[in-house]
C-alpha atoms as a PDB file:
ATOM      1  CA  MET A   1      76.692 150.579 174.506  1.00  0.00           C
ATOM      2  CA  ASP A   2      74.411 147.689 173.426  1.00  0.00           C
ATOM      3  CA  GLU A   3      71.981 150.181 171.888  1.00  0.00           C
ATOM      4  CA  ASN A   4      74.876 151.758 169.938  1.00  0.00           C
ATOM      5  CA  ILE A   5      75.679 148.381 168.328  1.00  0.00           C
ATOM      6  CA  LEU A   6      72.120 148.026 167.059  1.00  0.00           C
ATOM      7  CA  GLN A   7      71.846 151.661 165.950  1.00  0.00           C
ATOM      8  CA  ASN A   8      74.910 151.373 163.692  1.00  0.00           C
ATOM      9  CA  TRP A   9      74.126 147.837 162.508  1.00  0.00           C
ATOM     10  CA  THR A  10      73.352 147.165 158.850  1.00  0.00           C
ATOM     11  CA  PRO A  11      72.964 143.838 157.010  1.00  0.00           C
ATOM     12  CA  TYR A  12      75.463 145.040 154.389  1.00  0.00           C
ATOM     13  CA  ALA A  13      78.955 146.399 154.894  1.00  0.00           C
ATOM     14  CA  LYS A  14      79.412 150.106 154.140  1.00  0.00           C
ATOM     15  CA  LYS A  15      83.156 150.082 154.845  1.00  0.00           C
ATOM     16  CA  TYR A  16      85.234 146.925 154.521  1.00  0.00           C
ATOM     17  CA  ASP A  17      86.746 145.474 157.672  1.00  0.00           C
ATOM     18  CA  PRO A  18      88.172 141.925 157.262  1.00  0.00           C
ATOM     19  CA  LEU A  19      87.391 141.105 160.885  1.00  0.00           C
ATOM     20  CA  LYS A  20      83.736 142.082 160.518  1.00  0.00           C
ATOM     21  CA  ALA A  21      83.425 140.537 157.037  1.00  0.00           C
ATOM     22  CA  GLY A  22      84.473 137.195 158.489  1.00  0.00           C
ATOM     23  CA  SER A  23      81.883 137.495 161.256  1.00  0.00           C
ATOM     24  CA  ILE A  24      78.318 136.204 161.087  1.00  0.00           C
ATOM     25  CA  ASP A  25      76.861 139.286 162.769  1.00  0.00           C
ATOM     26  CA  GLY A  26      79.686 141.811 162.234  1.00  0.00           C
ATOM     27  CA  THR A  27      80.608 142.030 165.919  1.00  0.00           C
ATOM     28  CA  ASP A  28      83.711 139.793 166.170  1.00  0.00           C
ATOM     29  CA  THR A  29      86.711 141.270 167.960  1.00  0.00           C
ATOM     30  CA  GLU A  30      89.267 138.481 167.276  1.00  0.00           C
ATOM     31  CA  PRO A  31      90.187 136.814 163.937  1.00  0.00           C
ATOM     32  CA  HIS A  32      88.678 133.339 163.783  1.00  0.00           C
ATOM     33  CA  ASP A  33      90.893 131.967 160.989  1.00  0.00           C
ATOM     34  CA  LYS A  34      94.144 132.571 159.107  1.00  0.00           C
ATOM     35  CA  ALA A  35      92.459 134.216 156.122  1.00  0.00           C
ATOM     36  CA  VAL A  36      91.024 136.979 158.300  1.00  0.00           C
ATOM     37  CA  SER A  37      94.427 137.495 159.953  1.00  0.00           C
ATOM     38  CA  ARG A  38      96.095 137.607 156.516  1.00  0.00           C
ATOM     39  CA  ALA A  39      93.555 140.136 155.217  1.00  0.00           C
ATOM     40  CA  ILE A  40      94.152 142.382 158.217  1.00  0.00           C
ATOM     41  CA  GLN A  41      97.915 142.383 157.530  1.00  0.00           C
ATOM     42  CA  MET A  42      97.774 142.740 153.745  1.00  0.00           C
ATOM     43  CA  HIS A  43      97.858 146.026 151.884  1.00  0.00           C
ATOM     44  CA  TYR A  44      95.721 146.351 148.760  1.00  0.00           C
ATOM     45  CA  GLU A  45      95.724 149.248 146.347  1.00  0.00           C
ATOM     46  CA  PRO A  46      92.916 149.081 143.760  1.00  0.00           C
ATOM     47  CA  PRO A  47      93.916 149.671 140.124  1.00  0.00           C
ATOM     48  CA  HIS A  48      94.023 153.351 139.195  1.00  0.00           C
ATOM     49  CA  ASN A  49      94.398 153.015 135.424  1.00  0.00           C
ATOM     50  CA  LEU A  50      90.882 151.700 134.749  1.00  0.00           C
ATOM     51  CA  GLU A  51      88.594 153.724 132.514  1.00  0.00           C
ATOM     52  CA  SER A  52      85.333 152.347 133.924  1.00  0.00           C
ATOM     53  CA  THR A  53      83.349 154.253 136.556  1.00  0.00           C
ATOM     54  CA  PRO A  54      83.060 152.281 139.841  1.00  0.00           C
ATOM     55  CA  GLU A  55      79.467 153.399 140.533  1.00  0.00           C
ATOM     56  CA  ARG A  56      78.348 151.957 137.186  1.00  0.00           C
ATOM     57  CA  THR A  57      80.500 148.815 137.276  1.00  0.00           C
ATOM     58  CA  LEU A  58      79.055 145.476 138.342  1.00  0.00           C
ATOM     59  CA  PHE A  59      81.010 142.459 139.570  1.00  0.00           C
ATOM     60  CA  VAL A  60      79.771 139.224 137.986  1.00  0.00           C
ATOM     61  CA  ALA A  61      80.924 135.844 139.310  1.00  0.00           C
ATOM     62  CA  ARG A  62      80.216 132.121 139.404  1.00  0.00           C
ATOM     63  CA  PHE A  63      79.909 131.684 135.666  1.00  0.00           C
ATOM     64  CA  GLY A  64      81.688 128.861 133.912  1.00  0.00           C
ATOM     65  CA  PRO A  65      84.413 128.769 131.271  1.00  0.00           C
ATOM     66  CA  ARG A  66      81.856 128.632 128.438  1.00  0.00           C
ATOM     67  CA  VAL A  67      80.597 132.157 129.195  1.00  0.00           C
ATOM     68  CA  THR A  68      82.201 134.784 126.956  1.00  0.00           C
ATOM     69  CA  LYS A  69      82.323 138.586 126.854  1.00  0.00           C
ATOM     70  CA  GLN A  70      79.617 138.494 124.198  1.00  0.00           C
ATOM     71  CA  ASP A  71      77.373 136.297 126.379  1.00  0.00           C
ATOM     72  CA  LEU A  72      77.693 138.763 129.276  1.00  0.00           C
ATOM     73  CA  LYS A  73      77.030 141.733 126.997  1.00  0.00           C
ATOM     74  CA  GLU A  74      73.866 140.132 125.579  1.00  0.00           C
ATOM     75  CA  PHE A  75      72.614 139.149 129.054  1.00  0.00           C
ATOM     76  CA  PHE A  76      73.111 142.616 130.594  1.00  0.00           C
ATOM     77  CA  SER A  77      71.813 144.443 127.511  1.00  0.00           C
ATOM     78  CA  LYS A  78      68.327 143.173 128.428  1.00  0.00           C
ATOM     79  CA  TYR A  79      68.416 145.460 131.489  1.00  0.00           C
ATOM     80  CA  GLY A  80      70.154 148.571 130.145  1.00  0.00           C
ATOM     81  CA  ASN A  81      72.949 149.923 127.987  1.00  0.00           C
ATOM     82  CA  VAL A  82      76.316 148.184 128.435  1.00  0.00           C
ATOM     83  CA  SER A  83      79.477 150.302 128.104  1.00  0.00           C
ATOM     84  CA  SER A  84      82.126 147.620 128.556  1.00  0.00           C
ATOM     85  CA  VAL A  85      82.648 144.001 129.584  1.00  0.00           C
ATOM     86  CA  LYS A  86      85.786 142.402 131.008  1.00  0.00           C
ATOM     87  CA  VAL A  87      86.137 138.664 131.659  1.00  0.00           C
ATOM     88  CA  ILE A  88      89.116 137.870 133.902  1.00  0.00           C
ATOM     89  CA  VAL A  89      91.312 135.136 132.420  1.00  0.00           C
ATOM     90  CA  ASP A  90      94.197 133.084 133.771  1.00  0.00           C
ATOM     91  CA  VAL A  91      97.484 134.620 132.618  1.00  0.00           C
ATOM     92  CA  VAL A  92      99.076 131.252 131.841  1.00  0.00           C
ATOM     93  CA  THR A  93      96.211 129.231 130.318  1.00  0.00           C
ATOM     94  CA  GLY A  94      94.081 132.065 128.934  1.00  0.00           C
ATOM     95  CA  LEU A  95      90.949 130.359 130.332  1.00  0.00           C
ATOM     96  CA  SER A  96      88.199 132.277 132.103  1.00  0.00           C
ATOM     97  CA  GLN A  97      88.475 132.403 135.890  1.00  0.00           C
ATOM     98  CA  GLY A  98      84.679 132.559 136.168  1.00  0.00           C
ATOM     99  CA  TYR A  99      84.296 136.210 137.032  1.00  0.00           C
ATOM    100  CA  GLY A 100      84.392 139.601 135.393  1.00  0.00           C
ATOM    101  CA  PHE A 101      83.115 143.170 135.333  1.00  0.00           C
ATOM    102  CA  VAL A 102      80.325 144.821 133.374  1.00  0.00           C
ATOM    103  CA  GLU A 103      80.096 148.597 133.143  1.00  0.00           C
ATOM    104  CA  MET A 104      76.652 149.962 132.447  1.00  0.00           C
ATOM    105  CA  ARG A 105      76.092 153.281 130.657  1.00  0.00           C
ATOM    106  CA  SER A 106      74.457 154.891 133.727  1.00  0.00           C
ATOM    107  CA  GLU A 107      74.107 154.340 137.469  1.00  0.00           C
ATOM    108  CA  ASP A 108      70.349 153.874 136.912  1.00  0.00           C
ATOM    109  CA  ASP A 109      71.063 150.991 134.522  1.00  0.00           C
ATOM    110  CA  ALA A 110      73.357 149.382 137.122  1.00  0.00           C
ATOM    111  CA  ARG A 111      70.680 149.696 139.829  1.00  0.00           C
ATOM    112  CA  ARG A 112      68.083 148.238 137.458  1.00  0.00           C
ATOM    113  CA  VAL A 113      70.299 145.202 136.804  1.00  0.00           C
ATOM    114  CA  LEU A 114      70.719 144.572 140.529  1.00  0.00           C
ATOM    115  CA  ARG A 115      66.976 144.890 141.199  1.00  0.00           C
ATOM    116  CA  ARG A 116      65.931 142.575 138.385  1.00  0.00           C
ATOM    117  CA  THR A 117      68.587 139.858 138.412  1.00  0.00           C
ATOM    118  CA  THR A 118      68.183 138.081 141.717  1.00  0.00           C
ATOM    119  CA  ASP A 119      68.793 134.370 141.131  1.00  0.00           C
ATOM    120  CA  ALA A 120      69.951 135.019 137.555  1.00  0.00           C
ATOM    121  CA  THR A 121      71.050 132.105 135.371  1.00  0.00           C
ATOM    122  CA  LEU A 122      73.375 132.337 132.382  1.00  0.00           C
ATOM    123  CA  LYS A 123      74.209 129.255 130.280  1.00  0.00           C
ATOM    124  CA  GLY A 124      73.185 126.976 133.147  1.00  0.00           C
ATOM    125  CA  TYR A 125      75.181 128.811 135.831  1.00  0.00           C
ATOM    126  CA  ASN A 126      73.555 130.654 138.738  1.00  0.00           C
ATOM    127  CA  ILE A 127      75.575 133.844 138.509  1.00  0.00           C
ATOM    128  CA  PHE A 128      76.273 136.342 141.271  1.00  0.00           C
ATOM    129  CA  ILE A 129      75.936 140.063 140.495  1.00  0.00           C
ATOM    130  CA  ASP A 130      76.827 142.951 142.825  1.00  0.00           C
ATOM    131  CA  TYR A 131      78.523 146.331 142.686  1.00  0.00           C
ATOM    132  CA  GLU A 132      82.279 146.368 142.235  1.00  0.00           C
ATOM    133  CA  CYS A 133      83.882 146.801 145.674  1.00  0.00           C
ATOM    134  CA  GLY A 134      87.561 147.283 144.793  1.00  0.00           C
ATOM    135  CA  ARG A 135      87.329 150.979 143.993  1.00  0.00           C
ATOM    136  CA  SER A 136      84.080 151.914 145.699  1.00  0.00           C
ATOM    137  CA  MET A 137      84.360 150.391 149.193  1.00  0.00           C
ATOM    138  CA  LYS A 138      86.960 151.883 151.513  1.00  0.00           C
ATOM    139  CA  GLY A 139      89.372 149.278 152.861  1.00  0.00           C
ATOM    140  CA  TRP A 140      88.344 146.531 150.405  1.00  0.00           C
ATOM    141  CA  LYS A 141      90.591 143.446 150.214  1.00  0.00           C
ATOM    142  CA  PRO A 142      90.059 140.859 147.466  1.00  0.00           C
ATOM    143  CA  ARG A 143      89.611 137.154 148.164  1.00  0.00           C
ATOM    144  CA  ARG A 144      93.180 136.294 147.139  1.00  0.00           C
ATOM    145  CA  LEU A 145      94.436 138.390 150.065  1.00  0.00           C
ATOM    146  CA  GLY A 146      92.095 136.762 152.577  1.00  0.00           C
ATOM    147  CA  GLY A 147      89.286 139.272 152.110  1.00  0.00           C
ATOM    148  CA  GLY A 148      86.095 139.270 150.090  1.00  0.00           C
ATOM    149  CA  PHE A 149      82.499 138.538 151.048  1.00  0.00           C
ATOM    150  CA  GLY A 150      81.422 135.456 149.193  1.00  0.00           C
ATOM    151  CA  GLY A 151      82.523 131.894 148.856  1.00  0.00           C
ATOM    152  CA  LYS A 152      82.958 128.847 150.991  1.00  0.00           C
ATOM    153  CA  LYS A 153      86.373 127.304 151.342  1.00  0.00           C
ATOM    154  CA  GLU A 154      86.917 123.636 152.073  1.00  0.00           C
ATOM    155  CA  SER A 155      87.625 124.560 155.688  1.00  0.00           C
ATOM    156  CA  GLY A 156      84.029 125.760 155.967  1.00  0.00           C
ATOM    157  CA  GLN A 157      85.024 129.420 156.202  1.00  0.00           C
ATOM    158  CA  LEU A 158      82.320 131.824 155.117  1.00  0.00           C
ATOM    159  CA  ARG A 159      82.291 135.558 154.436  1.00  0.00           C
ATOM    160  CA  PHE A 160      79.348 137.786 155.268  1.00  0.00           C
ATOM    161  CA  GLY A 161      78.248 141.365 154.663  1.00  0.00           C
ATOM    162  CA  GLY A 162      77.668 141.130 150.918  1.00  0.00           C
ATOM    163  CA  LYS A 163      74.494 140.981 148.857  1.00  0.00           C
ATOM    164  CA  ASP A 164      74.071 137.197 148.975  1.00  0.00           C
ATOM    165  CA  ARG A 165      75.314 136.723 152.545  1.00  0.00           C
ATOM    166  CA  PRO A 166      74.107 139.622 154.675  1.00  0.00           C
ATOM    167  CA  PHE A 167      75.130 140.009 158.292  1.00  0.00           C
ATOM    168  CA  LYS A 168      72.752 138.502 160.815  1.00  0.00           C
ATOM    169  CA  ARG A 169      71.361 140.859 163.417  1.00  0.00           C
ATOM    170  CA  PRO A 170      73.647 140.752 166.488  1.00  0.00           C
ATOM    171  CA  ILE A 171      72.364 139.164 169.654  1.00  0.00           C
ATOM    172  CA  VAL A 172      72.716 141.808 172.319  1.00  0.00           C
ATOM    173  CA  PRO A 173      72.313 140.479 175.840  1.00  0.00           C
ATOM    174  CA  ASN A 174      69.535 142.194 177.700  1.00  0.00           C
ATOM    175  CA  ILE A 175      70.735 142.555 181.267  1.00  0.00           C
ATOM    176  CA  LEU A 176      67.773 142.591 183.566  1.00  0.00           C
ATOM    177  CA  LYS A 177      68.009 144.602 186.754  1.00  0.00           C
ATOM    178  CA  PRO A 178      66.881 142.729 189.848  1.00  0.00           C
ATOM    179  CA  LYS A 179      63.617 143.947 191.306  1.00  0.00           C
ATOM    180  CA  ARG A 180      63.725 145.369 194.823  1.00  0.00           C
END
């Protein structure tokens, strides 16, 4: 059984499981905080009316309120052809929530962006770029429902399994047989 854990182990989640995403090595069997419990109970249905293609869409986060759609388009145009840009704004204030989505013209362009933009900076912000998970990863739950990969809450809770916080290799106890 221990060998099976290591055979199926990967530093990045292929299928979203809130219990594993909240685990350092992806092997937890019990929720360790309320957010993980909430994510397990919540139902999330990704939007179906979007025109962008999930395989070409990148999630961009950790940029400040000064970053606009045009700024994102110019930044990503250096790496390939941009089809569309969406900055998520607060419904009440109309201010940027610091994240958005960029659709590239091809899957090759999206891969190129991910390869070339590690530790990317835009207008003084170290931005995070990864594939969109909502429509492409089975079982995905967004942060607002207790899910997600990234971020650190004031309670010290971390999420793992994503590009910037990969799972750590599990420690599998090696049971030694006594010599006779």
